[in-house]
Amino acid sequence: MIDQMLLGEFSTDADWREALEEYDTGWYIGVEREHDWTTAILNQTPNMFSMGHNTQQVRK
């Protein structure tokens, strides 16, 4: 269900394939600290997505 919320509803396998190929070719999805992040910037990758967490954060 989450994939349908994020990507929309697909009626055929070809629609799914097209969406996944777009992620493969038009996106960098990974960690900012990786060398590939810098490469994606230099290659002017149109869409970049990264997630992380603050390991120094103190909870009270």
PDB file of N, CA and C in Angstrom:
ATOM      1  N   MET A   1       0.811  -1.195   0.000  1.00  0.00           N
ATOM      2  CA  MET A   1       0.000   0.000   0.000  1.00  0.00           C
ATOM      3  C   MET A   1       0.856   1.262   0.000  1.00  0.00           C
ATOM      4  N   ILE A   2       1.990   1.232   0.708  1.00  0.00           N
ATOM      5  CA  ILE A   2       2.828   2.436   0.748  1.00  0.00           C
ATOM      6  C   ILE A   2       3.348   2.762  -0.643  1.00  0.00           C
ATOM      7  N   ASP A   3       3.737   1.733  -1.413  1.00  0.00           N
ATOM      8  CA  ASP A   3       4.228   2.004  -2.760  1.00  0.00           C
ATOM      9  C   ASP A   3       3.163   2.674  -3.616  1.00  0.00           C
ATOM     10  N   GLN A   4       1.909   2.306  -3.451  1.00  0.00           N
ATOM     11  CA  GLN A   4       0.844   2.954  -4.209  1.00  0.00           C
ATOM     12  C   GLN A   4       0.655   4.395  -3.771  1.00  0.00           C
ATOM     13  N   MET A   5       0.842   4.670  -2.486  1.00  0.00           N
ATOM     14  CA  MET A   5       0.718   6.052  -2.010  1.00  0.00           C
ATOM     15  C   MET A   5       1.847   6.915  -2.570  1.00  0.00           C
ATOM     16  N   LEU A   6       3.039   6.353  -2.645  1.00  0.00           N
ATOM     17  CA  LEU A   6       4.188   7.130  -3.093  1.00  0.00           C
ATOM     18  C   LEU A   6       4.280   7.241  -4.607  1.00  0.00           C
ATOM     19  N   LEU A   7       3.980   6.155  -5.294  1.00  0.00           N
ATOM     20  CA  LEU A   7       4.175   6.111  -6.736  1.00  0.00           C
ATOM     21  C   LEU A   7       2.894   6.241  -7.538  1.00  0.00           C
ATOM     22  N   GLY A   8       1.776   6.003  -6.918  1.00  0.00           N
ATOM     23  CA  GLY A   8       0.520   5.964  -7.647  1.00  0.00           C
ATOM     24  C   GLY A   8       0.180   4.528  -7.993  1.00  0.00           C
ATOM     25  N   GLU A   9      -1.008   4.325  -8.459  1.00  0.00           N
ATOM     26  CA  GLU A   9      -1.453   2.968  -8.771  1.00  0.00           C
ATOM     27  C   GLU A   9      -1.061   2.617 -10.200  1.00  0.00           C
ATOM     28  N   PHE A  10      -0.453   1.455 -10.377  1.00  0.00           N
ATOM     29  CA  PHE A  10      -0.053   0.991 -11.701  1.00  0.00           C
ATOM     30  C   PHE A  10      -0.969  -0.139 -12.130  1.00  0.00           C
ATOM     31  N   SER A  11      -1.346  -0.120 -13.388  1.00  0.00           N
ATOM     32  CA  SER A  11      -2.275  -1.137 -13.871  1.00  0.00           C
ATOM     33  C   SER A  11      -1.568  -2.282 -14.585  1.00  0.00           C
ATOM     34  N   THR A  12      -0.317  -2.073 -14.994  1.00  0.00           N
ATOM     35  CA  THR A  12       0.389  -3.130 -15.720  1.00  0.00           C
ATOM     36  C   THR A  12       1.809  -3.281 -15.192  1.00  0.00           C
ATOM     37  N   ASP A  13       2.401  -4.425 -15.494  1.00  0.00           N
ATOM     38  CA  ASP A  13       3.799  -4.648 -15.138  1.00  0.00           C
ATOM     39  C   ASP A  13       4.711  -3.659 -15.861  1.00  0.00           C
ATOM     40  N   ALA A  14       4.331  -3.271 -17.068  1.00  0.00           N
ATOM     41  CA  ALA A  14       5.134  -2.310 -17.831  1.00  0.00           C
ATOM     42  C   ALA A  14       5.192  -0.962 -17.113  1.00  0.00           C
ATOM     43  N   ASP A  15       4.090  -0.561 -16.484  1.00  0.00           N
ATOM     44  CA  ASP A  15       4.084   0.687 -15.713  1.00  0.00           C
ATOM     45  C   ASP A  15       5.054   0.601 -14.541  1.00  0.00           C
ATOM     46  N   TRP A  16       5.053  -0.546 -13.851  1.00  0.00           N
ATOM     47  CA  TRP A  16       5.988  -0.745 -12.734  1.00  0.00           C
ATOM     48  C   TRP A  16       7.424  -0.687 -13.233  1.00  0.00           C
ATOM     49  N   ARG A  17       7.685  -1.382 -14.341  1.00  0.00           N
ATOM     50  CA  ARG A  17       9.038  -1.422 -14.896  1.00  0.00           C
ATOM     51  C   ARG A  17       9.514  -0.008 -15.242  1.00  0.00           C
ATOM     52  N   GLU A  18       8.650   0.769 -15.858  1.00  0.00           N
ATOM     53  CA  GLU A  18       9.000   2.139 -16.230  1.00  0.00           C
ATOM     54  C   GLU A  18       9.344   2.980 -14.999  1.00  0.00           C
ATOM     55  N   ALA A  19       8.552   2.845 -13.949  1.00  0.00           N
ATOM     56  CA  ALA A  19       8.810   3.602 -12.717  1.00  0.00           C
ATOM     57  C   ALA A  19      10.135   3.196 -12.089  1.00  0.00           C
ATOM     58  N   LEU A  20      10.404   1.900 -12.030  1.00  0.00           N
ATOM     59  CA  LEU A  20      11.653   1.424 -11.434  1.00  0.00           C
ATOM     60  C   LEU A  20      12.863   1.807 -12.277  1.00  0.00           C
ATOM     61  N   GLU A  21      12.719   1.772 -13.596  1.00  0.00           N
ATOM     62  CA  GLU A  21      13.810   2.199 -14.472  1.00  0.00           C
ATOM     63  C   GLU A  21      14.107   3.682 -14.295  1.00  0.00           C
ATOM     64  N   GLU A  22      13.067   4.484 -14.051  1.00  0.00           N
ATOM     65  CA  GLU A  22      13.267   5.913 -13.785  1.00  0.00           C
ATOM     66  C   GLU A  22      14.098   6.109 -12.521  1.00  0.00           C
ATOM     67  N   TYR A  23      13.806   5.335 -11.479  1.00  0.00           N
ATOM     68  CA  TYR A  23      14.611   5.418 -10.255  1.00  0.00           C
ATOM     69  C   TYR A  23      16.050   5.003 -10.525  1.00  0.00           C
ATOM     70  N   ASP A  24      16.235   3.989 -11.358  1.00  0.00           N
ATOM     71  CA  ASP A  24      17.572   3.477 -11.639  1.00  0.00           C
ATOM     72  C   ASP A  24      18.405   4.465 -12.443  1.00  0.00           C
ATOM     73  N   THR A  25      17.775   5.175 -13.374  1.00  0.00           N
ATOM     74  CA  THR A  25      18.531   6.063 -14.256  1.00  0.00           C
ATOM     75  C   THR A  25      18.511   7.525 -13.837  1.00  0.00           C
ATOM     76  N   GLY A  26      17.439   7.977 -13.195  1.00  0.00           N
ATOM     77  CA  GLY A  26      17.297   9.399 -12.908  1.00  0.00           C
ATOM     78  C   GLY A  26      17.484   9.780 -11.458  1.00  0.00           C
ATOM     79  N   TRP A  27      17.841   8.813 -10.632  1.00  0.00           N
ATOM     80  CA  TRP A  27      17.961   9.078  -9.202  1.00  0.00           C
ATOM     81  C   TRP A  27      19.264   8.520  -8.644  1.00  0.00           C
ATOM     82  N   TYR A  28      19.789   9.188  -7.628  1.00  0.00           N
ATOM     83  CA  TYR A  28      20.785   8.577  -6.748  1.00  0.00           C
ATOM     84  C   TYR A  28      20.081   8.400  -5.412  1.00  0.00           C
ATOM     85  N   ILE A  29      20.054   7.187  -4.916  1.00  0.00           N
ATOM     86  CA  ILE A  29      19.461   6.893  -3.616  1.00  0.00           C
ATOM     87  C   ILE A  29      20.543   6.223  -2.788  1.00  0.00           C
ATOM     88  N   GLY A  30      20.992   6.892  -1.751  1.00  0.00           N
ATOM     89  CA  GLY A  30      22.060   6.339  -0.930  1.00  0.00           C
ATOM     90  C   GLY A  30      22.474   7.295   0.166  1.00  0.00           C
ATOM     91  N   VAL A  31      23.647   7.048   0.708  1.00  0.00           N
ATOM     92  CA  VAL A  31      24.171   7.810   1.837  1.00  0.00           C
ATOM     93  C   VAL A  31      25.074   8.931   1.328  1.00  0.00           C
ATOM     94  N   GLU A  32      24.932  10.122   1.918  1.00  0.00           N
ATOM     95  CA  GLU A  32      25.725  11.277   1.490  1.00  0.00           C
ATOM     96  C   GLU A  32      27.224  11.061   1.669  1.00  0.00           C
ATOM     97  N   ARG A  33      27.610  10.261   2.624  1.00  0.00           N
ATOM     98  CA  ARG A  33      29.034  10.054   2.901  1.00  0.00           C
ATOM     99  C   ARG A  33      29.708   9.135   1.883  1.00  0.00           C
ATOM    100  N   GLU A  34      28.947   8.470   1.043  1.00  0.00           N
ATOM    101  CA  GLU A  34      29.520   7.559   0.060  1.00  0.00           C
ATOM    102  C   GLU A  34      30.131   8.334  -1.106  1.00  0.00           C
ATOM    103  N   HIS A  35      31.149   7.746  -1.694  1.00  0.00           N
ATOM    104  CA  HIS A  35      31.794   8.356  -2.863  1.00  0.00           C
ATOM    105  C   HIS A  35      30.790   8.523  -4.008  1.00  0.00           C
ATOM    106  N   ASP A  36      29.846   7.604  -4.106  1.00  0.00           N
ATOM    107  CA  ASP A  36      28.846   7.670  -5.185  1.00  0.00           C
ATOM    108  C   ASP A  36      27.986   8.928  -5.107  1.00  0.00           C
ATOM    109  N   TRP A  37      27.813   9.492  -3.902  1.00  0.00           N
ATOM    110  CA  TRP A  37      27.051  10.742  -3.746  1.00  0.00           C
ATOM    111  C   TRP A  37      27.770  11.863  -4.500  1.00  0.00           C
ATOM    112  N   THR A  38      29.070  11.965  -4.278  1.00  0.00           N
ATOM    113  CA  THR A  38      29.867  12.986  -4.966  1.00  0.00           C
ATOM    114  C   THR A  38      29.830  12.765  -6.472  1.00  0.00           C
ATOM    115  N   THR A  39      29.945  11.525  -6.888  1.00  0.00           N
ATOM    116  CA  THR A  39      29.884  11.203  -8.314  1.00  0.00           C
ATOM    117  C   THR A  39      28.543  11.615  -8.909  1.00  0.00           C
ATOM    118  N   ALA A  40      27.462  11.370  -8.183  1.00  0.00           N
ATOM    119  CA  ALA A  40      26.130  11.752  -8.667  1.00  0.00           C
ATOM    120  C   ALA A  40      26.012  13.264  -8.813  1.00  0.00           C
ATOM    121  N   ILE A  41      26.595  14.013  -7.882  1.00  0.00           N
ATOM    122  CA  ILE A  41      26.587  15.476  -7.989  1.00  0.00           C
ATOM    123  C   ILE A  41      27.364  15.917  -9.223  1.00  0.00           C
ATOM    124  N   LEU A  42      28.557  15.365  -9.402  1.00  0.00           N
ATOM    125  CA  LEU A  42      29.388  15.742 -10.550  1.00  0.00           C
ATOM    126  C   LEU A  42      28.736  15.352 -11.875  1.00  0.00           C
ATOM    127  N   ASN A  43      27.969  14.268 -11.868  1.00  0.00           N
ATOM    128  CA  ASN A  43      27.257  13.829 -13.074  1.00  0.00           C
ATOM    129  C   ASN A  43      25.923  14.540 -13.259  1.00  0.00           C
ATOM    130  N   GLN A  44      25.621  15.473 -12.358  1.00  0.00           N
ATOM    131  CA  GLN A  44      24.379  16.244 -12.393  1.00  0.00           C
ATOM    132  C   GLN A  44      23.144  15.338 -12.423  1.00  0.00           C
ATOM    133  N   THR A  45      23.157  14.332 -11.561  1.00  0.00           N
ATOM    134  CA  THR A  45      22.001  13.455 -11.413  1.00  0.00           C
ATOM    135  C   THR A  45      20.806  14.317 -11.016  1.00  0.00           C
ATOM    136  N   PRO A  46      19.699  14.233 -11.759  1.00  0.00           N
ATOM    137  CA  PRO A  46      18.595  15.171 -11.533  1.00  0.00           C
ATOM    138  C   PRO A  46      17.880  15.017 -10.191  1.00  0.00           C
ATOM    139  N   ASN A  47      17.882  13.824  -9.617  1.00  0.00           N
ATOM    140  CA  ASN A  47      17.168  13.589  -8.361  1.00  0.00           C
ATOM    141  C   ASN A  47      18.072  12.817  -7.412  1.00  0.00           C
ATOM    142  N   MET A  48      18.197  13.334  -6.192  1.00  0.00           N
ATOM    143  CA  MET A  48      19.039  12.662  -5.206  1.00  0.00           C
ATOM    144  C   MET A  48      18.277  12.547  -3.894  1.00  0.00           C
ATOM    145  N   PHE A  49      18.404  11.377  -3.261  1.00  0.00           N
ATOM    146  CA  PHE A  49      17.682  11.116  -2.019  1.00  0.00           C
ATOM    147  C   PHE A  49      18.626  10.443  -1.039  1.00  0.00           C
ATOM    148  N   SER A  50      18.670  10.972   0.170  1.00  0.00           N
ATOM    149  CA  SER A  50      19.522  10.403   1.210  1.00  0.00           C
ATOM    150  C   SER A  50      18.812  10.479   2.548  1.00  0.00           C
ATOM    151  N   MET A  51      19.046   9.484   3.370  1.00  0.00           N
ATOM    152  CA  MET A  51      18.510   9.488   4.733  1.00  0.00           C
ATOM    153  C   MET A  51      19.657   9.197   5.688  1.00  0.00           C
ATOM    154  N   GLY A  52      19.526   9.715   6.881  1.00  0.00           N
ATOM    155  CA  GLY A  52      20.531   9.453   7.896  1.00  0.00           C
ATOM    156  C   GLY A  52      19.960   9.713   9.265  1.00  0.00           C
ATOM    157  N   HIS A  53      20.809   9.606  10.256  1.00  0.00           N
ATOM    158  CA  HIS A  53      20.379   9.902  11.614  1.00  0.00           C
ATOM    159  C   HIS A  53      21.538  10.513  12.387  1.00  0.00           C
ATOM    160  N   ASN A  54      21.198  11.265  13.395  1.00  0.00           N
ATOM    161  CA  ASN A  54      22.181  11.938  14.228  1.00  0.00           C
ATOM    162  C   ASN A  54      22.562  11.003  15.369  1.00  0.00           C
ATOM    163  N   THR A  55      23.776  10.477  15.331  1.00  0.00           N
ATOM    164  CA  THR A  55      24.211   9.550  16.375  1.00  0.00           C
ATOM    165  C   THR A  55      24.596  10.273  17.656  1.00  0.00           C
ATOM    166  N   GLN A  56      24.742  11.586  17.607  1.00  0.00           N
ATOM    167  CA  GLN A  56      25.134  12.362  18.779  1.00  0.00           C
ATOM    168  C   GLN A  56      23.944  12.934  19.537  1.00  0.00           C
ATOM    169  N   GLN A  57      22.759  12.736  19.022  1.00  0.00           N
ATOM    170  CA  GLN A  57      21.562  13.303  19.643  1.00  0.00           C
ATOM    171  C   GLN A  57      21.313  12.650  21.005  1.00  0.00           C
ATOM    172  N   VAL A  58      21.060  13.483  22.010  1.00  0.00           N
ATOM    173  CA  VAL A  58      20.791  12.997  23.359  1.00  0.00           C
ATOM    174  C   VAL A  58      19.300  13.125  23.635  1.00  0.00           C
ATOM    175  N   ARG A  59      18.686  12.043  24.062  1.00  0.00           N
ATOM    176  CA  ARG A  59      17.256  12.073  24.399  1.00  0.00           C
ATOM    177  C   ARG A  59      17.109  12.265  25.897  1.00  0.00           C
ATOM    178  N   LYS A  60      16.189  13.114  26.279  1.00  0.00           N
ATOM    179  CA  LYS A  60      15.942  13.365  27.701  1.00  0.00           C
ATOM    180  C   LYS A  60      14.556  12.954  28.075  1.00  0.00           C
TER     181      LYS A  60
END
